[in-house]
């Protein structure tokens, strides 16, 4: 996703969603996000959640470059690229991004990158812990996720990534 600070400086937001629990596992906010940065975020998530078998991504340069490809190959993870111009193939992240835009980005005027990170992270936590989801029986994603027993304490679920480059 892309937005701007109050001074006009562009900001990018990388969102990582678990397709099964609908949890937003991470939001990474900066002026730019490359493939190496994506892999660092995934490694951070892997420490507590394990690694997925498949990661669904759009065709942004942060996903189609060497860094993510080599990272996934070393971990035996399949990268599933949606077809260009077909955001419906990544409906979970498209829905999440719409909510983030409507409920957070459009409701705030970010003065600094630090402020944007703080406000977006607070929104992410509320999204995961308080906000009910119709598709999850009216409970928040975190509560839904906790209702399952994960082998060895790790979720082995598909995750979805959406980068800063829009398909539209």
Protein backbone atom coordinates (compact mmCIF):
# COMPACT_ATOMS: atom_id res chain seq x y z
CA UNK A 1 0.00 0.00 0.00
CA UNK A 2 1.03 3.56 -0.48
CA UNK A 3 0.10 6.80 1.29
CA UNK A 4 1.69 10.14 2.13
CA UNK A 5 2.78 11.93 5.26
CA UNK A 6 1.49 15.45 5.90
CA UNK A 7 4.65 16.89 4.30
CA UNK A 8 3.95 14.99 1.06
CA UNK A 9 6.62 12.34 1.60
CA UNK A 10 5.53 8.95 0.30
CA UNK A 11 5.11 6.09 2.70
CA UNK A 12 4.70 2.39 1.94
CA UNK A 13 2.92 -0.20 4.05
CA UNK A 14 3.63 -3.93 3.78
CA UNK A 15 0.83 -6.02 5.26
CA UNK A 16 1.12 -9.71 6.03
CA UNK A 17 -2.13 -11.58 6.60
CA UNK A 18 -2.75 -15.15 7.69
CA UNK A 19 -5.41 -16.38 5.26
CA UNK A 20 -6.90 -18.84 7.72
CA UNK A 21 -7.14 -16.79 10.91
CA UNK A 22 -7.39 -13.41 9.11
CA UNK A 23 -4.81 -12.07 11.54
CA UNK A 24 -2.57 -9.27 10.39
CA UNK A 25 0.79 -10.69 11.41
CA UNK A 26 2.74 -7.55 10.54
CA UNK A 27 2.53 -4.10 9.09
CA UNK A 28 5.86 -2.66 8.00
CA UNK A 29 5.85 1.10 7.36
CA UNK A 30 8.65 3.02 5.65
CA UNK A 31 9.48 5.20 2.66
CA UNK A 32 10.29 2.11 0.62
CA UNK A 33 10.18 -1.63 1.17
CA UNK A 34 12.35 -3.97 -0.88
CA UNK A 35 12.61 -7.75 -1.06
CA UNK A 36 15.30 -7.97 1.61
CA UNK A 37 13.03 -6.05 3.98
CA UNK A 38 10.15 -8.43 3.18
CA UNK A 39 12.33 -11.43 4.07
CA UNK A 40 13.36 -9.83 7.38
CA UNK A 41 9.71 -9.34 8.32
CA UNK A 42 8.95 -12.96 7.37
CA UNK A 43 11.90 -14.21 9.45
CA UNK A 44 10.60 -12.19 12.41
CA UNK A 45 7.14 -13.74 12.04
CA UNK A 46 8.64 -17.23 11.67
CA UNK A 47 10.11 -17.00 15.17
CA UNK A 48 6.66 -17.12 16.71
CA UNK A 49 4.39 -18.53 14.00
CA UNK A 50 6.52 -20.88 11.96
CA UNK A 51 6.69 -20.76 8.19
CA UNK A 52 3.88 -21.30 5.70
CA UNK A 53 3.97 -23.73 2.79
CA UNK A 54 2.73 -21.09 0.34
CA UNK A 55 2.90 -17.30 0.25
CA UNK A 56 0.54 -15.48 -2.09
CA UNK A 57 1.83 -12.17 -3.46
CA UNK A 58 1.12 -9.62 -6.14
CA UNK A 59 3.70 -8.82 -8.80
CA UNK A 60 5.39 -5.90 -7.05
CA UNK A 61 9.16 -5.62 -7.36
CA UNK A 62 9.64 -6.43 -3.66
CA UNK A 63 8.12 -9.86 -4.36
CA UNK A 64 9.33 -10.63 -7.86
CA UNK A 65 13.00 -9.95 -7.20
CA UNK A 66 15.81 -12.26 -6.21
CA UNK A 67 15.68 -11.68 -2.43
CA UNK A 68 12.27 -13.24 -1.78
CA UNK A 69 12.82 -15.98 -4.36
CA UNK A 70 16.10 -17.10 -2.78
CA UNK A 71 14.64 -16.84 0.73
CA UNK A 72 11.64 -18.99 -0.21
CA UNK A 73 13.75 -21.55 -2.11
CA UNK A 74 16.06 -22.05 0.90
CA UNK A 75 13.00 -22.72 3.07
CA UNK A 76 11.07 -24.83 0.55
CA UNK A 77 8.21 -22.32 0.43
CA UNK A 78 6.18 -21.84 -2.74
CA UNK A 79 5.61 -18.26 -3.91
CA UNK A 80 2.19 -18.00 -5.57
CA UNK A 81 1.95 -14.90 -7.77
CA UNK A 82 -1.53 -13.67 -8.57
CA UNK A 83 -2.17 -12.83 -12.21
CA UNK A 84 -1.45 -9.17 -13.02
CA UNK A 85 -4.62 -7.10 -12.87
CA UNK A 86 -6.52 -9.78 -10.89
CA UNK A 87 -6.62 -8.52 -7.28
CA UNK A 88 -9.62 -10.79 -6.59
CA UNK A 89 -7.10 -13.66 -6.54
CA UNK A 90 -5.75 -12.07 -3.37
CA UNK A 91 -9.14 -11.18 -1.87
CA UNK A 92 -8.09 -11.49 1.81
CA UNK A 93 -5.41 -8.83 1.52
CA UNK A 94 -7.55 -6.62 -0.71
CA UNK A 95 -10.27 -6.68 1.96
CA UNK A 96 -7.75 -5.97 4.71
CA UNK A 97 -6.14 -3.14 2.76
CA UNK A 98 -9.53 -1.53 2.19
CA UNK A 99 -10.27 -1.63 5.91
CA UNK A 100 -6.83 -0.25 6.78
CA UNK A 101 -7.26 2.57 4.29
CA UNK A 102 -10.83 3.47 5.34
CA UNK A 103 -10.46 3.04 9.10
CA UNK A 104 -6.89 4.23 9.67
CA UNK A 105 -5.05 5.89 6.81
CA UNK A 106 -7.92 8.16 5.73
CA UNK A 107 -8.79 8.99 9.36
CA UNK A 108 -5.29 10.21 10.29
CA UNK A 109 -2.94 12.95 9.18
CA UNK A 110 0.53 11.54 9.86
CA UNK A 111 3.13 14.19 10.68
CA UNK A 112 6.10 11.81 10.90
CA UNK A 113 6.98 8.27 9.90
CA UNK A 114 7.27 7.35 13.60
CA UNK A 115 3.74 8.61 14.21
CA UNK A 116 2.44 6.64 11.20
CA UNK A 117 4.10 3.46 12.48
CA UNK A 118 2.64 3.92 15.96
CA UNK A 119 -0.92 4.66 14.81
CA UNK A 120 -0.95 1.88 12.20
CA UNK A 121 0.39 -0.63 14.74
CA UNK A 122 -2.30 0.36 17.25
CA UNK A 123 -4.92 -0.12 14.54
CA UNK A 124 -3.42 -3.55 13.64
CA UNK A 125 -3.61 -4.68 17.27
CA UNK A 126 -7.24 -3.54 17.54
CA UNK A 127 -8.02 -5.28 14.24
CA UNK A 128 -6.59 -8.55 15.58
CA UNK A 129 -7.87 -8.41 19.16
CA UNK A 130 -11.11 -6.42 19.30
CA UNK A 131 -12.69 -6.06 15.88
CA UNK A 132 -15.21 -8.86 15.21
CA UNK A 133 -15.02 -10.62 11.84
CA UNK A 134 -18.17 -11.94 10.23
CA UNK A 135 -16.22 -14.67 8.41
CA UNK A 136 -14.90 -15.92 11.78
CA UNK A 137 -18.28 -16.18 13.46
CA UNK A 138 -18.17 -12.67 14.87
CA UNK A 139 -14.96 -13.05 16.87
CA UNK A 140 -11.62 -11.26 16.43
CA UNK A 141 -8.83 -13.06 14.54
CA UNK A 142 -6.61 -13.52 17.60
CA UNK A 143 -9.39 -15.25 19.55
CA UNK A 144 -10.17 -17.42 16.52
CA UNK A 145 -6.49 -18.40 16.21
CA UNK A 146 -6.24 -19.26 19.91
CA UNK A 147 -9.18 -21.63 19.58
CA UNK A 148 -6.97 -24.04 17.63
CA UNK A 149 -4.21 -26.23 18.92
CA UNK A 150 -1.11 -25.85 16.80
CA UNK A 151 1.36 -28.68 16.66
CA UNK A 152 4.58 -27.77 18.48
CA UNK A 153 3.01 -24.42 19.34
CA UNK A 154 3.42 -23.11 15.79
CA UNK A 155 0.77 -22.32 13.22
CA UNK A 156 1.54 -23.87 9.87
CA UNK A 157 -0.84 -21.74 7.87
CA UNK A 158 -0.72 -19.95 4.55
CA UNK A 159 0.12 -16.28 4.77
CA UNK A 160 -0.66 -13.57 2.27
CA UNK A 161 1.49 -10.62 1.46
CA UNK A 162 0.57 -7.42 -0.24
CA UNK A 163 3.20 -4.89 -1.11
CA UNK A 164 3.23 -1.23 -1.74
CA UNK A 165 2.68 -1.54 -5.48
CA UNK A 166 -0.96 -1.62 -6.48
CA UNK A 167 -2.22 -3.84 -9.28
CA UNK A 168 -4.85 -1.31 -10.28
